[in-house]
Protein backbone atom coordinates (compact mmCIF):
# COMPACT_ATOMS: atom_id res chain seq x y z
CA UNK A 1 0.00 0.00 0.00
CA UNK A 2 1.52 3.37 -0.99
CA UNK A 3 2.13 5.90 1.72
CA UNK A 4 0.36 9.29 1.61
CA UNK A 5 3.66 11.00 0.72
CA UNK A 6 4.45 8.87 -2.30
CA UNK A 7 0.86 8.50 -3.55
CA UNK A 8 0.70 12.20 -4.42
CA UNK A 9 3.73 11.90 -6.68
CA UNK A 10 3.57 9.37 -9.53
CA UNK A 11 7.38 9.48 -9.80
CA UNK A 12 7.89 8.30 -6.20
CA UNK A 13 7.10 4.81 -4.92
CA UNK A 14 8.00 2.51 -2.09
CA UNK A 15 8.98 -0.90 -3.44
CA UNK A 16 9.82 -3.42 -0.80
CA UNK A 17 12.25 -1.81 1.60
CA UNK A 18 13.40 0.95 -0.73
CA UNK A 19 12.13 4.24 -2.05
CA UNK A 20 12.28 4.52 -5.85
CA UNK A 21 12.28 7.77 -7.84
CA UNK A 22 11.51 7.51 -11.57
CA UNK A 23 13.44 10.10 -13.56
CA UNK A 24 13.59 11.15 -17.21
CA UNK A 25 16.86 12.89 -18.01
CA UNK A 26 17.55 15.49 -20.68
CA UNK A 27 21.35 15.89 -20.94
CA UNK A 28 23.32 18.84 -22.34
CA UNK A 29 21.09 21.48 -20.69
CA UNK A 30 22.37 24.95 -19.81
CA UNK A 31 21.93 24.20 -16.11
CA UNK A 32 20.81 21.29 -13.99
CA UNK A 33 17.26 21.57 -12.67
CA UNK A 34 14.01 19.70 -12.14
CA UNK A 35 11.56 20.53 -14.90
CA UNK A 36 8.21 19.03 -13.95
CA UNK A 37 6.73 15.62 -14.49
CA UNK A 38 6.76 13.67 -17.74
CA UNK A 39 4.95 10.38 -18.25
CA UNK A 40 4.91 9.61 -14.52
CA UNK A 41 8.56 10.51 -13.97
CA UNK A 42 10.44 13.53 -12.69
CA UNK A 43 12.02 15.34 -15.66
CA UNK A 44 15.54 16.54 -14.88
CA UNK A 45 17.56 18.69 -17.24
CA UNK A 46 21.26 17.98 -16.73
CA UNK A 47 24.21 20.22 -17.57
CA UNK A 48 26.31 17.21 -18.49
CA UNK A 49 26.85 15.21 -21.67
CA UNK A 50 25.63 11.61 -21.88
CA UNK A 51 29.21 10.38 -22.28
CA UNK A 52 31.25 8.02 -20.08
CA UNK A 53 28.65 8.07 -17.28
CA UNK A 54 29.02 11.83 -16.71
CA UNK A 55 25.26 12.46 -16.84
CA UNK A 56 24.56 9.60 -14.40
CA UNK A 57 27.21 10.84 -11.97
CA UNK A 58 25.87 14.40 -12.16
CA UNK A 59 22.30 13.17 -11.62
CA UNK A 60 23.30 11.24 -8.49
CA UNK A 61 25.38 14.14 -7.13
CA UNK A 62 22.65 16.69 -7.89
CA UNK A 63 19.85 14.62 -6.34
CA UNK A 64 21.92 13.93 -3.22
CA UNK A 65 22.62 17.65 -2.85
CA UNK A 66 19.03 18.72 -3.50
CA UNK A 67 17.66 16.17 -1.03
CA UNK A 68 20.35 16.73 1.58
CA UNK A 69 21.38 13.07 1.50
CA UNK A 70 24.82 11.51 1.48
CA UNK A 71 25.74 10.31 -2.00
CA UNK A 72 25.76 6.70 -0.74
CA UNK A 73 21.98 6.99 -0.07
CA UNK A 74 21.23 7.76 -3.75
CA UNK A 75 21.88 4.89 -6.19
CA UNK A 76 21.10 4.25 -9.83
CA UNK A 77 18.93 1.12 -10.06
CA UNK A 78 18.03 1.04 -13.76
CA UNK A 79 18.67 3.00 -16.91
CA UNK A 80 22.44 3.38 -17.02
CA UNK A 81 22.38 4.06 -20.78
CA UNK A 82 18.77 5.26 -21.06
CA UNK A 83 17.09 8.62 -20.55
CA UNK A 84 14.55 6.95 -18.26
CA UNK A 85 16.09 5.94 -14.95
CA UNK A 86 15.12 4.57 -11.57
CA UNK A 87 16.92 5.90 -8.53
CA UNK A 88 16.93 4.13 -5.16
CA UNK A 89 16.81 6.50 -2.21
CA UNK A 90 17.27 5.94 1.50
CA UNK A 91 13.89 4.57 2.63
CA UNK A 92 13.77 6.85 5.68
CA UNK A 93 13.69 10.04 3.62
CA UNK A 94 10.25 9.64 1.98
CA UNK A 95 8.68 12.67 3.68
CA UNK A 96 11.72 14.82 2.85
CA UNK A 97 11.61 13.77 -0.81
CA UNK A 98 7.85 14.46 -1.01
CA UNK A 99 8.39 17.91 0.54
CA UNK A 100 11.21 18.63 -1.92
CA UNK A 101 9.00 17.57 -4.84
CA UNK A 102 6.18 19.82 -3.59
CA UNK A 103 8.54 22.80 -3.18
CA UNK A 104 10.27 22.20 -6.52
CA UNK A 105 7.27 21.30 -8.68
CA UNK A 106 4.48 23.01 -6.79
Foldseek 3Di string as FASTA:
>chain_A
DFDPLCVVQLQWGDDPQWIKGKEFEAECDPDWAFDADDPSHTYIYHNHDLPPQGRVVRVLVVVCVLLVHDSVQWAWDDDSPHRITMITGNSVSSNSVSVSCVVRHD
